[in-house]
């Protein structure tokens, strides 16, 4: 049997994993709702991942390395790139 979350479509064959997941949609959590299908997510990153996978949205690339022209959608990946590739 597949346990499927009605809030976001997450699914698991394990009931305990499903029940633990449902807690992420609990009261007091911020909800980010997809304008395309109405599914809600606890985090903005969860919503963005859903939009890319389910609706084919292309993320905006915000962090551009002026030294080698690489572009990143997440600040943490950009920072890691700068540290590993361009710090000396």
Protein backbone atom coordinates (compact mmCIF):
# COMPACT_ATOMS: atom_id res chain seq x y z
CA UNK A 1 0.00 0.00 0.00
CA UNK A 2 1.24 3.49 -0.82
CA UNK A 3 0.66 6.18 1.79
CA UNK A 4 0.33 9.50 -0.04
CA UNK A 5 0.34 12.98 1.44
CA UNK A 6 -2.66 15.02 0.32
CA UNK A 7 -0.75 18.27 0.95
CA UNK A 8 2.22 17.72 -1.36
CA UNK A 9 2.01 14.32 -3.04
CA UNK A 10 4.85 12.74 -1.05
CA UNK A 11 4.42 8.99 -0.99
CA UNK A 12 5.86 6.07 0.95
CA UNK A 13 5.14 2.39 1.31
CA UNK A 14 6.14 2.69 4.97
CA UNK A 15 3.45 4.07 7.26
CA UNK A 16 5.95 5.38 9.83
CA UNK A 17 7.82 7.38 7.17
CA UNK A 18 4.52 8.78 5.90
CA UNK A 19 3.38 9.74 9.41
CA UNK A 20 6.71 11.45 10.11
CA UNK A 21 6.41 13.35 6.83
CA UNK A 22 2.88 14.55 7.67
CA UNK A 23 4.30 16.36 10.70
CA UNK A 24 6.04 18.78 8.33
CA UNK A 25 2.61 20.14 7.42
CA UNK A 26 1.54 20.56 11.04
CA UNK A 27 -0.04 23.64 12.62
CA UNK A 28 2.17 26.67 12.95
CA UNK A 29 4.27 25.77 9.94
CA UNK A 30 4.62 28.26 7.11
CA UNK A 31 2.85 27.10 4.02
CA UNK A 32 4.00 27.91 0.51
CA UNK A 33 1.32 27.07 -2.04
CA UNK A 34 1.87 26.20 -5.67
CA UNK A 35 -0.12 28.53 -7.90
CA UNK A 36 -0.34 25.83 -10.58
CA UNK A 37 -1.91 22.99 -8.59
CA UNK A 38 -2.60 24.25 -5.06
CA UNK A 39 -0.28 21.85 -3.22
CA UNK A 40 1.31 23.34 -0.11
CA UNK A 41 4.82 23.07 1.23
CA UNK A 42 6.58 23.84 4.48
CA UNK A 43 9.47 25.64 2.83
CA UNK A 44 10.07 27.82 -0.17
CA UNK A 45 12.74 25.40 -1.37
CA UNK A 46 10.23 22.55 -1.20
CA UNK A 47 7.82 24.55 -3.32
CA UNK A 48 10.53 25.40 -5.83
CA UNK A 49 11.62 21.76 -6.09
CA UNK A 50 8.01 20.73 -6.71
CA UNK A 51 7.57 23.42 -9.36
CA UNK A 52 10.70 22.28 -11.20
CA UNK A 53 9.83 18.57 -11.08
CA UNK A 54 6.08 18.66 -11.58
CA UNK A 55 5.54 21.75 -13.71
CA UNK A 56 8.86 22.15 -15.53
CA UNK A 57 9.62 25.58 -14.11
CA UNK A 58 13.14 26.74 -14.75
CA UNK A 59 14.66 28.32 -11.66
CA UNK A 60 16.04 31.81 -11.86
CA UNK A 61 19.81 31.85 -11.55
CA UNK A 62 20.79 34.46 -9.00
CA UNK A 63 24.46 33.97 -8.10
CA UNK A 64 26.89 34.57 -10.94
CA UNK A 65 30.65 34.03 -10.64
CA UNK A 66 32.40 36.86 -12.44
CA UNK A 67 35.66 34.90 -12.52
CA UNK A 68 34.52 31.85 -14.50
CA UNK A 69 30.92 32.64 -15.54
CA UNK A 70 29.29 29.80 -13.56
CA UNK A 71 25.83 30.56 -12.23
CA UNK A 72 24.08 29.16 -9.13
CA UNK A 73 20.52 29.23 -7.84
CA UNK A 74 21.56 28.76 -4.21
CA UNK A 75 23.85 31.07 -2.25
CA UNK A 76 25.42 28.16 -0.35
CA UNK A 77 26.54 26.48 -3.58
CA UNK A 78 27.91 29.75 -4.92
CA UNK A 79 29.85 30.33 -1.68
CA UNK A 80 31.25 26.79 -1.79
CA UNK A 81 32.29 27.29 -5.42
CA UNK A 82 34.07 30.54 -4.59
CA UNK A 83 35.89 28.93 -1.66
CA UNK A 84 36.92 25.78 -3.52
CA UNK A 85 37.73 27.24 -6.95
CA UNK A 86 38.86 30.82 -6.44
CA UNK A 87 40.34 31.26 -2.97
CA UNK A 88 44.06 31.07 -2.81
